[in-house]
């Protein structure tokens, strides 16, 4: 067994990709959704 295979076989659950969750205030999300619409209106000819 070479070093690459040995290193891969010693990984544990701590090394696994784990899901994560974030919470943003609804007002911040509304603001982020509004910005592209506002910019598109400013750039209209």
N, C-alpha and C. Protein backbone atom coordinates (compact mmCIF):
# COMPACT_ATOMS: atom_id res chain seq x y z
N UNK A 1 0.85 -1.18 0.00
CA UNK A 1 0.00 0.00 0.00
C UNK A 1 0.89 1.24 0.00
N UNK A 2 0.61 2.21 -0.86
CA UNK A 2 1.44 3.41 -0.88
C UNK A 2 0.94 4.45 0.11
N UNK A 3 1.66 5.55 0.24
CA UNK A 3 1.32 6.56 1.24
C UNK A 3 -0.04 7.20 0.98
N UNK A 4 -0.40 7.39 -0.27
CA UNK A 4 -1.69 8.01 -0.60
C UNK A 4 -2.85 7.15 -0.12
N UNK A 5 -2.79 5.86 -0.39
CA UNK A 5 -3.84 4.96 0.06
C UNK A 5 -3.90 4.86 1.57
N UNK A 6 -2.75 4.87 2.22
CA UNK A 6 -2.71 4.80 3.68
C UNK A 6 -3.35 6.03 4.29
N UNK A 7 -3.03 7.20 3.75
CA UNK A 7 -3.60 8.45 4.26
C UNK A 7 -5.10 8.49 4.05
N UNK A 8 -5.57 8.00 2.92
CA UNK A 8 -7.01 8.00 2.63
C UNK A 8 -7.75 7.05 3.55
N UNK A 9 -7.13 5.96 3.90
CA UNK A 9 -7.81 4.96 4.73
C UNK A 9 -7.86 5.37 6.20
N UNK A 10 -7.05 6.33 6.62
CA UNK A 10 -7.04 6.74 8.03
C UNK A 10 -7.99 7.90 8.31
N UNK A 11 -8.71 8.37 7.32
CA UNK A 11 -9.67 9.46 7.55
C UNK A 11 -10.81 8.96 8.43
N UNK A 12 -11.31 9.85 9.24
CA UNK A 12 -12.40 9.49 10.15
C UNK A 12 -13.64 10.31 9.83
N UNK A 13 -14.68 10.10 10.59
CA UNK A 13 -15.91 10.85 10.40
C UNK A 13 -15.68 12.34 10.65
N UNK A 14 -14.69 12.69 11.46
CA UNK A 14 -14.39 14.10 11.72
C UNK A 14 -13.90 14.80 10.46
N UNK A 15 -13.36 14.05 9.49
CA UNK A 15 -12.87 14.62 8.25
C UNK A 15 -13.95 14.72 7.18
N UNK A 16 -15.09 14.11 7.43
CA UNK A 16 -16.16 14.06 6.43
C UNK A 16 -16.77 15.44 6.22
N UNK A 17 -17.37 15.63 5.07
CA UNK A 17 -18.09 16.87 4.79
C UNK A 17 -19.41 16.82 5.53
N UNK A 18 -19.64 17.80 6.36
CA UNK A 18 -20.86 17.82 7.18
C UNK A 18 -21.76 18.97 6.74
N UNK A 19 -23.06 18.80 6.79
CA UNK A 19 -23.98 19.90 6.45
C UNK A 19 -23.89 21.00 7.49
N UNK A 20 -24.22 22.19 7.09
CA UNK A 20 -24.26 23.30 8.03
C UNK A 20 -25.49 24.13 7.77
N UNK A 21 -25.90 24.86 8.74
CA UNK A 21 -27.09 25.69 8.64
C UNK A 21 -26.74 27.11 9.07
N UNK A 22 -27.33 28.07 8.38
CA UNK A 22 -27.16 29.47 8.75
C UNK A 22 -28.53 30.11 8.85
N UNK A 23 -28.62 31.11 9.67
CA UNK A 23 -29.88 31.84 9.82
C UNK A 23 -29.62 33.31 9.56
N UNK A 24 -30.33 33.86 8.59
CA UNK A 24 -30.24 35.28 8.29
C UNK A 24 -31.58 35.92 8.60
N UNK A 25 -31.56 37.14 9.08
CA UNK A 25 -32.84 37.83 9.31
C UNK A 25 -33.60 37.97 7.98
N UNK A 26 -34.91 37.82 8.04
CA UNK A 26 -35.74 37.90 6.84
C UNK A 26 -35.57 39.25 6.14
N UNK A 27 -35.40 40.32 6.91
CA UNK A 27 -35.22 41.66 6.32
C UNK A 27 -33.96 41.72 5.46
N UNK A 28 -32.91 41.04 5.87
CA UNK A 28 -31.68 41.03 5.08
C UNK A 28 -31.89 40.27 3.77
N UNK A 29 -32.63 39.17 3.81
CA UNK A 29 -32.91 38.41 2.59
C UNK A 29 -33.78 39.20 1.63
N UNK A 30 -34.77 39.91 2.17
CA UNK A 30 -35.64 40.74 1.33
C UNK A 30 -34.81 41.82 0.64
N UNK A 31 -33.89 42.43 1.39
CA UNK A 31 -33.03 43.47 0.83
C UNK A 31 -32.15 42.91 -0.29
N UNK A 32 -31.59 41.73 -0.09
CA UNK A 32 -30.75 41.12 -1.12
C UNK A 32 -31.54 40.78 -2.37
N UNK A 33 -32.79 40.37 -2.21
CA UNK A 33 -33.64 40.07 -3.38
C UNK A 33 -34.03 41.33 -4.11
N UNK A 34 -34.16 42.43 -3.39
CA UNK A 34 -34.61 43.69 -3.97
C UNK A 34 -33.51 44.38 -4.79
N UNK A 35 -32.28 44.24 -4.40
CA UNK A 35 -31.18 44.97 -5.03
C UNK A 35 -31.04 44.73 -6.53
N UNK A 36 -31.05 43.49 -7.02
CA UNK A 36 -30.93 43.32 -8.48
C UNK A 36 -32.08 43.98 -9.25
N UNK A 37 -33.27 43.95 -8.69
CA UNK A 37 -34.41 44.59 -9.36
C UNK A 37 -34.20 46.10 -9.41
N UNK A 38 -33.70 46.66 -8.33
CA UNK A 38 -33.46 48.10 -8.29
C UNK A 38 -32.39 48.49 -9.30
N UNK A 39 -31.32 47.71 -9.38
CA UNK A 39 -30.24 48.01 -10.33
C UNK A 39 -30.73 47.88 -11.77
N UNK A 40 -31.56 46.89 -12.05
CA UNK A 40 -32.04 46.72 -13.41
C UNK A 40 -32.92 47.89 -13.84
N UNK A 41 -33.66 48.46 -12.91
CA UNK A 41 -34.49 49.62 -13.23
C UNK A 41 -33.64 50.84 -13.48
N UNK A 42 -32.53 50.98 -12.77
CA UNK A 42 -31.64 52.12 -12.97
C UNK A 42 -30.94 52.06 -14.31
N UNK A 43 -30.71 50.85 -14.85
CA UNK A 43 -29.99 50.69 -16.10
C UNK A 43 -30.89 50.64 -17.33
N UNK A 44 -32.20 50.74 -17.12
CA UNK A 44 -33.11 50.71 -18.27
C UNK A 44 -32.91 51.95 -19.12
N UNK A 45 -33.04 51.77 -20.42
CA UNK A 45 -32.89 52.89 -21.37
C UNK A 45 -34.22 53.50 -21.66
